Amino acid sequence: MSSQNNSSGGKSNPMTQDAASRIQSTQTKAGHDVGKDSFAARAQSAGDRNANAGGGTNAQSGGKGK
Protein backbone atom coordinates (compact mmCIF):
# COMPACT_ATOMS: atom_id res chain seq x y z
CA MET A 1 0.00 0.00 0.00
CA SER A 2 1.36 3.39 -0.97
CA SER A 3 1.97 6.07 1.63
CA GLN A 4 1.29 8.82 -0.89
CA ASN A 5 -2.13 10.36 -1.32
CA ASN A 6 -3.51 10.10 -4.81
CA SER A 7 -6.54 12.28 -5.54
CA SER A 8 -7.10 10.86 -9.03
CA GLY A 9 -9.02 7.81 -7.88
CA GLY A 10 -6.14 5.35 -7.95
CA LYS A 11 -4.85 6.26 -11.41
CA SER A 12 -1.36 7.66 -11.74
CA ASN A 13 -0.07 10.10 -14.30
CA PRO A 14 3.66 9.51 -14.68
CA MET A 15 5.78 12.60 -15.26
CA THR A 16 6.96 12.86 -18.85
CA GLN A 17 10.03 14.69 -20.06
CA ASP A 18 7.79 17.06 -22.03
CA ALA A 19 5.78 17.92 -18.92
CA ALA A 20 8.97 18.42 -16.90
CA SER A 21 10.26 20.76 -19.60
CA ARG A 22 7.07 22.83 -19.43
CA ILE A 23 7.36 23.01 -15.63
CA GLN A 24 10.98 24.12 -15.81
CA SER A 25 10.16 26.73 -18.45
CA THR A 26 7.29 28.27 -16.49
CA GLN A 27 9.30 28.23 -13.25
CA THR A 28 12.17 30.03 -15.00
CA LYS A 29 9.86 32.64 -16.59
CA ALA A 30 8.27 33.28 -13.19
CA GLY A 31 11.70 33.87 -11.66
CA HIS A 32 11.63 30.77 -9.45
CA ASP A 33 14.66 28.67 -8.60
CA VAL A 34 15.21 25.74 -10.98
CA GLY A 35 18.43 24.51 -9.40
CA LYS A 36 19.13 21.39 -7.39
CA ASP A 37 16.31 20.37 -4.99
CA SER A 38 13.77 22.64 -6.72
CA PHE A 39 10.38 21.43 -7.88
CA ALA A 40 11.51 21.78 -11.49
CA ALA A 41 14.60 19.65 -10.82
CA ARG A 42 12.51 16.94 -9.14
CA ALA A 43 10.07 16.97 -12.07
CA GLN A 44 12.96 16.63 -14.53
CA SER A 45 14.41 13.74 -12.55
CA ALA A 46 11.04 11.96 -12.47
CA GLY A 47 10.56 12.51 -16.21
CA ASP A 48 14.00 11.08 -16.94
CA ARG A 49 13.38 8.08 -14.66
CA ASN A 50 10.04 7.36 -16.32
CA ALA A 51 11.46 7.70 -19.83
CA ASN A 52 14.26 5.27 -18.99
CA ALA A 53 11.69 2.86 -17.55
CA GLY A 54 9.54 3.16 -20.67
CA GLY A 55 6.86 5.18 -18.85
CA GLY A 56 7.14 8.38 -20.86
CA THR A 57 7.30 9.42 -24.47
CA ASN A 58 8.94 12.34 -26.18
CA ALA A 59 10.19 13.23 -29.62
CA GLN A 60 13.68 11.90 -28.94
CA SER A 61 12.43 8.44 -27.97
CA GLY A 62 10.09 8.08 -30.92
CA GLY A 63 6.96 9.67 -29.42
CA LYS A 64 4.82 11.90 -31.60
CA GLY A 65 5.69 15.58 -31.42
CA LYS A 66 3.26 18.47 -31.74
C-alpha atoms as a PDB file:
ATOM      1  CA  MET A   1       0.000   0.000   0.000  1.00  0.00           C
ATOM      2  CA  SER A   2       1.361   3.393  -0.967  1.00  0.00           C
ATOM      3  CA  SER A   3       1.967   6.068   1.628  1.00  0.00           C
ATOM      4  CA  GLN A   4       1.293   8.825  -0.895  1.00  0.00           C
ATOM      5  CA  ASN A   5      -2.132  10.362  -1.323  1.00  0.00           C
ATOM      6  CA  ASN A   6      -3.508  10.104  -4.815  1.00  0.00           C
ATOM      7  CA  SER A   7      -6.535  12.278  -5.543  1.00  0.00           C
ATOM      8  CA  SER A   8      -7.097  10.856  -9.034  1.00  0.00           C
ATOM      9  CA  GLY A   9      -9.024   7.808  -7.880  1.00  0.00           C
ATOM     10  CA  GLY A  10      -6.139   5.346  -7.952  1.00  0.00           C
ATOM     11  CA  LYS A  11      -4.848   6.263 -11.408  1.00  0.00           C
ATOM     12  CA  SER A  12      -1.360   7.663 -11.736  1.00  0.00           C
ATOM     13  CA  ASN A  13      -0.065  10.095 -14.297  1.00  0.00           C
ATOM     14  CA  PRO A  14       3.663   9.506 -14.675  1.00  0.00           C
ATOM     15  CA  MET A  15       5.778  12.599 -15.258  1.00  0.00           C
ATOM     16  CA  THR A  16       6.962  12.861 -18.849  1.00  0.00           C
ATOM     17  CA  GLN A  17      10.032  14.691 -20.062  1.00  0.00           C
ATOM     18  CA  ASP A  18       7.791  17.056 -22.026  1.00  0.00           C
ATOM     19  CA  ALA A  19       5.778  17.921 -18.916  1.00  0.00           C
ATOM     20  CA  ALA A  20       8.971  18.421 -16.903  1.00  0.00           C
ATOM     21  CA  SER A  21      10.261  20.755 -19.602  1.00  0.00           C
ATOM     22  CA  ARG A  22       7.070  22.833 -19.429  1.00  0.00           C
ATOM     23  CA  ILE A  23       7.358  23.005 -15.634  1.00  0.00           C
ATOM     24  CA  GLN A  24      10.982  24.121 -15.810  1.00  0.00           C
ATOM     25  CA  SER A  25      10.162  26.732 -18.447  1.00  0.00           C
ATOM     26  CA  THR A  26       7.286  28.266 -16.492  1.00  0.00           C
ATOM     27  CA  GLN A  27       9.301  28.231 -13.253  1.00  0.00           C
ATOM     28  CA  THR A  28      12.169  30.034 -15.002  1.00  0.00           C
ATOM     29  CA  LYS A  29       9.862  32.635 -16.593  1.00  0.00           C
ATOM     30  CA  ALA A  30       8.271  33.282 -13.191  1.00  0.00           C
ATOM     31  CA  GLY A  31      11.697  33.869 -11.657  1.00  0.00           C
ATOM     32  CA  HIS A  32      11.632  30.766  -9.449  1.00  0.00           C
ATOM     33  CA  ASP A  33      14.659  28.666  -8.595  1.00  0.00           C
ATOM     34  CA  VAL A  34      15.206  25.738 -10.977  1.00  0.00           C
ATOM     35  CA  GLY A  35      18.432  24.506  -9.404  1.00  0.00           C
ATOM     36  CA  LYS A  36      19.135  21.392  -7.391  1.00  0.00           C
ATOM     37  CA  ASP A  37      16.315  20.369  -4.989  1.00  0.00           C
ATOM     38  CA  SER A  38      13.773  22.644  -6.718  1.00  0.00           C
ATOM     39  CA  PHE A  39      10.383  21.435  -7.879  1.00  0.00           C
ATOM     40  CA  ALA A  40      11.507  21.781 -11.493  1.00  0.00           C
ATOM     41  CA  ALA A  41      14.597  19.650 -10.822  1.00  0.00           C
ATOM     42  CA  ARG A  42      12.509  16.938  -9.141  1.00  0.00           C
ATOM     43  CA  ALA A  43      10.075  16.969 -12.073  1.00  0.00           C
ATOM     44  CA  GLN A  44      12.963  16.626 -14.534  1.00  0.00           C
ATOM     45  CA  SER A  45      14.408  13.740 -12.545  1.00  0.00           C
ATOM     46  CA  ALA A  46      11.042  11.960 -12.471  1.00  0.00           C
ATOM     47  CA  GLY A  47      10.562  12.508 -16.211  1.00  0.00           C
ATOM     48  CA  ASP A  48      13.999  11.075 -16.942  1.00  0.00           C
ATOM     49  CA  ARG A  49      13.376   8.081 -14.660  1.00  0.00           C
ATOM     50  CA  ASN A  50      10.039   7.358 -16.317  1.00  0.00           C
ATOM     51  CA  ALA A  51      11.462   7.702 -19.829  1.00  0.00           C
ATOM     52  CA  ASN A  52      14.257   5.271 -18.989  1.00  0.00           C
ATOM     53  CA  ALA A  53      11.689   2.864 -17.547  1.00  0.00           C
ATOM     54  CA  GLY A  54       9.539   3.158 -20.668  1.00  0.00           C
ATOM     55  CA  GLY A  55       6.862   5.179 -18.845  1.00  0.00           C
ATOM     56  CA  GLY A  56       7.140   8.384 -20.863  1.00  0.00           C
ATOM     57  CA  THR A  57       7.304   9.418 -24.471  1.00  0.00           C
ATOM     58  CA  ASN A  58       8.940  12.342 -26.180  1.00  0.00           C
ATOM     59  CA  ALA A  59      10.192  13.228 -29.619  1.00  0.00           C
ATOM     60  CA  GLN A  60      13.682  11.900 -28.938  1.00  0.00           C
ATOM     61  CA  SER A  61      12.433   8.438 -27.973  1.00  0.00           C
ATOM     62  CA  GLY A  62      10.090   8.079 -30.922  1.00  0.00           C
ATOM     63  CA  GLY A  63       6.963   9.671 -29.421  1.00  0.00           C
ATOM     64  CA  LYS A  64       4.824  11.897 -31.596  1.00  0.00           C
ATOM     65  CA  GLY A  65       5.691  15.582 -31.419  1.00  0.00           C
ATOM     66  CA  LYS A  66       3.257  18.466 -31.737  1.00  0.00           C
END
